[in-house]
Amino acid sequence: MEFSLNNKILAFAVVLLLCFNCKDETESKPADKKEKPELIMHQPSEMANLMNGMYAYNLQIKQQIINGEIPVSMPLDLMKLHSAEMSNGHARTAVWNSKVDGFITAQQMVVDTLSNVELKERYNTAINNCLACHKTECTGPIPKIRKLLIQ
């Protein structure tokens, strides 16, 4: 019995159809039925949010100084540094408490239009206060903070 060319093509198509329609049982299970570890989104602390805001503010001030502009206002409430909720596992230490007031004063001096100290110097003093505290308390952001300095 001979197969004609049409019969061979038809037989081949049927075999292909059967091969592609067969599914493995593991593929037929819905993806949501598989057990996946629960993802937990990191929620930054109030202090982390405040620090990120200070970074963004100082980045903006740096650009203004480079452009020859004089910053005249500070939209941040730096007194929140005394009360903001810290990240898990961190607490205000004696070193932190001693540095925070110096930082607040230095940051306020940046926008002091009556100061005789050069603006770039006042700004770098505020950033160096950040670095001094972070060298003892939370070292992670030091490379990022160093980028804020004006050379």
C-alpha atoms as a PDB file:
ATOM      1  CA  MET A   1       0.000   0.000   0.000  1.00  0.00           C
ATOM      2  CA  GLU A   2       1.488   3.214  -1.072  1.00  0.00           C
ATOM      3  CA  PHE A   3       0.901   6.582   0.475  1.00  0.00           C
ATOM      4  CA  SER A   4       0.396   9.436  -1.850  1.00  0.00           C
ATOM      5  CA  LEU A   5       2.131  12.743  -1.208  1.00  0.00           C
ATOM      6  CA  ASN A   6      -1.112  14.267   0.108  1.00  0.00           C
ATOM      7  CA  ASN A   7      -1.557  11.409   2.575  1.00  0.00           C
ATOM      8  CA  LYS A   8       2.027  11.808   3.822  1.00  0.00           C
ATOM      9  CA  ILE A   9       1.505  15.539   4.398  1.00  0.00           C
ATOM     10  CA  LEU A  10      -1.784  14.873   6.154  1.00  0.00           C
ATOM     11  CA  ALA A  11      -0.227  12.196   8.378  1.00  0.00           C
ATOM     12  CA  PHE A  12       2.685  14.504   9.219  1.00  0.00           C
ATOM     13  CA  ALA A  13       0.302  17.353  10.102  1.00  0.00           C
ATOM     14  CA  VAL A  14      -1.731  15.067  12.382  1.00  0.00           C
ATOM     15  CA  VAL A  15       1.417  13.895  14.185  1.00  0.00           C
ATOM     16  CA  LEU A  16       2.561  17.492  14.662  1.00  0.00           C
ATOM     17  CA  LEU A  17      -0.861  18.514  15.917  1.00  0.00           C
ATOM     18  CA  LEU A  18      -0.873  15.697  18.466  1.00  0.00           C
ATOM     19  CA  CYS A  19       2.640  16.572  19.636  1.00  0.00           C
ATOM     20  CA  PHE A  20       1.866  20.230  20.218  1.00  0.00           C
ATOM     21  CA  ASN A  21      -1.504  19.617  21.865  1.00  0.00           C
ATOM     22  CA  CYS A  22      -0.082  17.279  24.505  1.00  0.00           C
ATOM     23  CA  LYS A  23       0.685  19.184  27.682  1.00  0.00           C
ATOM     24  CA  ASP A  24       2.683  18.156  30.648  1.00  0.00           C
ATOM     25  CA  GLU A  25       0.541  17.991  33.788  1.00  0.00           C
ATOM     26  CA  THR A  26       2.823  20.423  35.601  1.00  0.00           C
ATOM     27  CA  GLU A  27       2.152  23.030  32.939  1.00  0.00           C
ATOM     28  CA  SER A  28      -1.600  22.755  33.353  1.00  0.00           C
ATOM     29  CA  LYS A  29      -1.539  23.919  36.991  1.00  0.00           C
ATOM     30  CA  PRO A  30      -2.286  27.606  37.394  1.00  0.00           C
ATOM     31  CA  ALA A  31       0.755  29.645  38.395  1.00  0.00           C
ATOM     32  CA  ASP A  32      -0.946  31.027  41.492  1.00  0.00           C
ATOM     33  CA  LYS A  33      -1.293  27.522  42.949  1.00  0.00           C
ATOM     34  CA  LYS A  34       2.474  27.178  43.266  1.00  0.00           C
ATOM     35  CA  GLU A  35       3.791  28.228  46.636  1.00  0.00           C
ATOM     36  CA  LYS A  36       5.821  31.409  46.430  1.00  0.00           C
ATOM     37  CA  PRO A  37       7.518  33.186  49.285  1.00  0.00           C
ATOM     38  CA  GLU A  38       5.609  36.239  50.399  1.00  0.00           C
ATOM     39  CA  LEU A  39       7.287  39.441  49.277  1.00  0.00           C
ATOM     40  CA  ILE A  40       7.561  42.096  51.922  1.00  0.00           C
ATOM     41  CA  MET A  41       8.001  45.653  50.739  1.00  0.00           C
ATOM     42  CA  HIS A  42      10.582  47.608  52.717  1.00  0.00           C
ATOM     43  CA  GLN A  43       9.021  50.604  54.412  1.00  0.00           C
ATOM     44  CA  PRO A  44      11.639  53.263  55.160  1.00  0.00           C
ATOM     45  CA  SER A  45      11.507  54.773  58.616  1.00  0.00           C
ATOM     46  CA  GLU A  46      10.561  58.370  59.277  1.00  0.00           C
ATOM     47  CA  MET A  47      14.269  59.126  59.833  1.00  0.00           C
ATOM     48  CA  ALA A  48      15.255  57.478  56.538  1.00  0.00           C
ATOM     49  CA  ASN A  49      12.656  59.553  54.709  1.00  0.00           C
ATOM     50  CA  LEU A  50      13.943  62.689  56.421  1.00  0.00           C
ATOM     51  CA  MET A  51      17.535  61.848  55.492  1.00  0.00           C
ATOM     52  CA  ASN A  52      16.526  61.221  51.861  1.00  0.00           C
ATOM     53  CA  GLY A  53      14.764  64.591  51.850  1.00  0.00           C
ATOM     54  CA  MET A  54      17.878  66.292  53.234  1.00  0.00           C
ATOM     55  CA  TYR A  55      19.994  64.617  50.563  1.00  0.00           C
ATOM     56  CA  ALA A  56      17.687  65.844  47.785  1.00  0.00           C
ATOM     57  CA  TYR A  57      17.615  69.340  49.296  1.00  0.00           C
ATOM     58  CA  ASN A  58      21.407  69.522  49.574  1.00  0.00           C
ATOM     59  CA  LEU A  59      21.824  68.237  46.028  1.00  0.00           C
ATOM     60  CA  GLN A  60      19.582  71.091  44.884  1.00  0.00           C
ATOM     61  CA  ILE A  61      21.529  73.611  47.007  1.00  0.00           C
ATOM     62  CA  LYS A  62      24.826  72.328  45.589  1.00  0.00           C
ATOM     63  CA  GLN A  63      23.570  72.946  42.049  1.00  0.00           C
ATOM     64  CA  GLN A  64      22.362  76.433  42.982  1.00  0.00           C
ATOM     65  CA  ILE A  65      25.764  77.308  44.449  1.00  0.00           C
ATOM     66  CA  ILE A  66      27.564  75.960  41.372  1.00  0.00           C
ATOM     67  CA  ASN A  67      25.238  78.071  39.194  1.00  0.00           C
ATOM     68  CA  GLY A  68      26.109  81.164  41.236  1.00  0.00           C
ATOM     69  CA  GLU A  69      22.703  81.400  42.899  1.00  0.00           C
ATOM     70  CA  ILE A  70      22.258  82.155  46.589  1.00  0.00           C
ATOM     71  CA  PRO A  71      19.856  79.873  48.478  1.00  0.00           C
ATOM     72  CA  VAL A  72      17.615  81.871  50.780  1.00  0.00           C
ATOM     73  CA  SER A  73      15.196  79.409  52.324  1.00  0.00           C
ATOM     74  CA  MET A  74      15.205  75.972  53.846  1.00  0.00           C
ATOM     75  CA  PRO A  75      11.963  74.049  53.369  1.00  0.00           C
ATOM     76  CA  LEU A  76      13.020  71.224  55.703  1.00  0.00           C
ATOM     77  CA  ASP A  77      12.053  71.059  59.352  1.00  0.00           C
ATOM     78  CA  LEU A  78      15.385  69.931  60.763  1.00  0.00           C
ATOM     79  CA  MET A  79      14.012  69.823  64.293  1.00  0.00           C
ATOM     80  CA  LYS A  80      12.328  66.562  63.277  1.00  0.00           C
ATOM     81  CA  LEU A  81      15.782  64.999  63.618  1.00  0.00           C
ATOM     82  CA  HIS A  82      15.156  65.024  67.391  1.00  0.00           C
ATOM     83  CA  SER A  83      11.886  63.097  67.163  1.00  0.00           C
ATOM     84  CA  ALA A  84      11.741  61.123  63.892  1.00  0.00           C
ATOM     85  CA  GLU A  85      11.297  57.378  64.250  1.00  0.00           C
ATOM     86  CA  MET A  86      14.607  55.620  63.630  1.00  0.00           C
ATOM     87  CA  SER A  87      15.099  52.557  61.430  1.00  0.00           C
ATOM     88  CA  ASN A  88      14.740  49.154  63.093  1.00  0.00           C
ATOM     89  CA  GLY A  89      17.614  48.344  65.387  1.00  0.00           C
ATOM     90  CA  HIS A  90      18.839  51.922  65.636  1.00  0.00           C
ATOM     91  CA  ALA A  91      18.486  54.372  68.481  1.00  0.00           C
ATOM     92  CA  ARG A  92      19.726  57.842  69.248  1.00  0.00           C
ATOM     93  CA  THR A  93      23.092  57.532  70.913  1.00  0.00           C
ATOM     94  CA  ALA A  94      25.050  60.105  72.913  1.00  0.00           C
ATOM     95  CA  VAL A  95      27.308  60.641  69.872  1.00  0.00           C
ATOM     96  CA  TRP A  96      24.312  61.118  67.594  1.00  0.00           C
ATOM     97  CA  ASN A  97      22.710  63.587  70.008  1.00  0.00           C
ATOM     98  CA  SER A  98      25.939  65.582  70.240  1.00  0.00           C
ATOM     99  CA  LYS A  99      26.259  65.856  66.458  1.00  0.00           C
ATOM    100  CA  VAL A 100      22.663  66.607  65.477  1.00  0.00           C
ATOM    101  CA  ASP A 101      22.559  70.137  66.916  1.00  0.00           C
ATOM    102  CA  GLY A 102      25.838  71.023  65.181  1.00  0.00           C
ATOM    103  CA  PHE A 103      24.445  69.735  61.910  1.00  0.00           C
ATOM    104  CA  ILE A 104      21.225  71.752  62.288  1.00  0.00           C
ATOM    105  CA  THR A 105      23.203  74.920  62.976  1.00  0.00           C
ATOM    106  CA  ALA A 106      25.538  74.309  60.014  1.00  0.00           C
ATOM    107  CA  GLN A 107      22.605  73.584  57.696  1.00  0.00           C
ATOM    108  CA  GLN A 108      20.850  76.790  58.775  1.00  0.00           C
ATOM    109  CA  MET A 109      24.049  78.776  58.154  1.00  0.00           C
ATOM    110  CA  VAL A 110      23.926  77.774  54.479  1.00  0.00           C
ATOM    111  CA  VAL A 111      20.872  79.989  53.931  1.00  0.00           C
ATOM    112  CA  ASP A 112      22.083  82.781  56.241  1.00  0.00           C
ATOM    113  CA  THR A 113      22.391  85.723  53.848  1.00  0.00           C
ATOM    114  CA  LEU A 114      24.085  87.887  56.507  1.00  0.00           C
ATOM    115  CA  SER A 115      27.038  85.539  57.076  1.00  0.00           C
ATOM    116  CA  ASN A 116      30.565  86.726  56.214  1.00  0.00           C
ATOM    117  CA  VAL A 117      31.693  83.160  55.521  1.00  0.00           C
ATOM    118  CA  GLU A 118      31.824  82.152  51.855  1.00  0.00           C
ATOM    119  CA  LEU A 119      28.703  80.229  50.760  1.00  0.00           C
ATOM    120  CA  LYS A 120      30.662  77.238  49.408  1.00  0.00           C
ATOM    121  CA  GLU A 121      32.499  76.934  52.728  1.00  0.00           C
ATOM    122  CA  ARG A 122      29.255  77.089  54.748  1.00  0.00           C
ATOM    123  CA  TYR A 123      27.694  74.444  52.502  1.00  0.00           C
ATOM    124  CA  ASN A 124      30.699  72.104  52.729  1.00  0.00           C
ATOM    125  CA  THR A 125      30.712  72.547  56.528  1.00  0.00           C
ATOM    126  CA  ALA A 126      27.109  71.315  56.652  1.00  0.00           C
ATOM    127  CA  ILE A 127      27.950  68.313  54.456  1.00  0.00           C
ATOM    128  CA  ASN A 128      31.062  67.542  56.536  1.00  0.00           C
ATOM    129  CA  ASN A 129      28.788  67.519  59.606  1.00  0.00           C
ATOM    130  CA  CYS A 130      26.711  64.852  57.857  1.00  0.00           C
ATOM    131  CA  LEU A 131      29.854  62.826  57.175  1.00  0.00           C
ATOM    132  CA  ALA A 132      31.141  63.188  60.749  1.00  0.00           C
ATOM    133  CA  CYS A 133      27.935  61.764  62.173  1.00  0.00           C
ATOM    134  CA  HIS A 134      27.640  59.007  59.588  1.00  0.00           C
ATOM    135  CA  LYS A 135      31.202  57.872  60.279  1.00  0.00           C
ATOM    136  CA  THR A 136      30.077  56.863  63.772  1.00  0.00           C
ATOM    137  CA  GLU A 137      26.388  56.051  63.451  1.00  0.00           C
ATOM    138  CA  CYS A 138      25.315  54.745  60.038  1.00  0.00           C
ATOM    139  CA  THR A 139      28.169  54.323  57.586  1.00  0.00           C
ATOM    140  CA  GLY A 140      26.202  53.100  54.565  1.00  0.00           C
ATOM    141  CA  PRO A 141      25.419  56.426  52.867  1.00  0.00           C
ATOM    142  CA  ILE A 142      28.926  57.932  53.217  1.00  0.00           C
ATOM    143  CA  PRO A 143      29.890  57.527  49.516  1.00  0.00           C
ATOM    144  CA  LYS A 144      26.626  59.158  48.478  1.00  0.00           C
ATOM    145  CA  ILE A 145      27.069  62.022  50.954  1.00  0.00           C
ATOM    146  CA  ARG A 146      30.655  62.664  49.768  1.00  0.00           C
ATOM    147  CA  LYS A 147      29.271  63.397  46.302  1.00  0.00           C
ATOM    148  CA  LEU A 148      27.454  66.384  47.790  1.00  0.00           C
ATOM    149  CA  LEU A 149      30.701  68.202  48.609  1.00  0.00           C
ATOM    150  CA  ILE A 150      31.671  71.068  46.300  1.00  0.00           C
ATOM    151  CA  GLN A 151      35.314  70.758  45.254  1.00  0.00           C
END
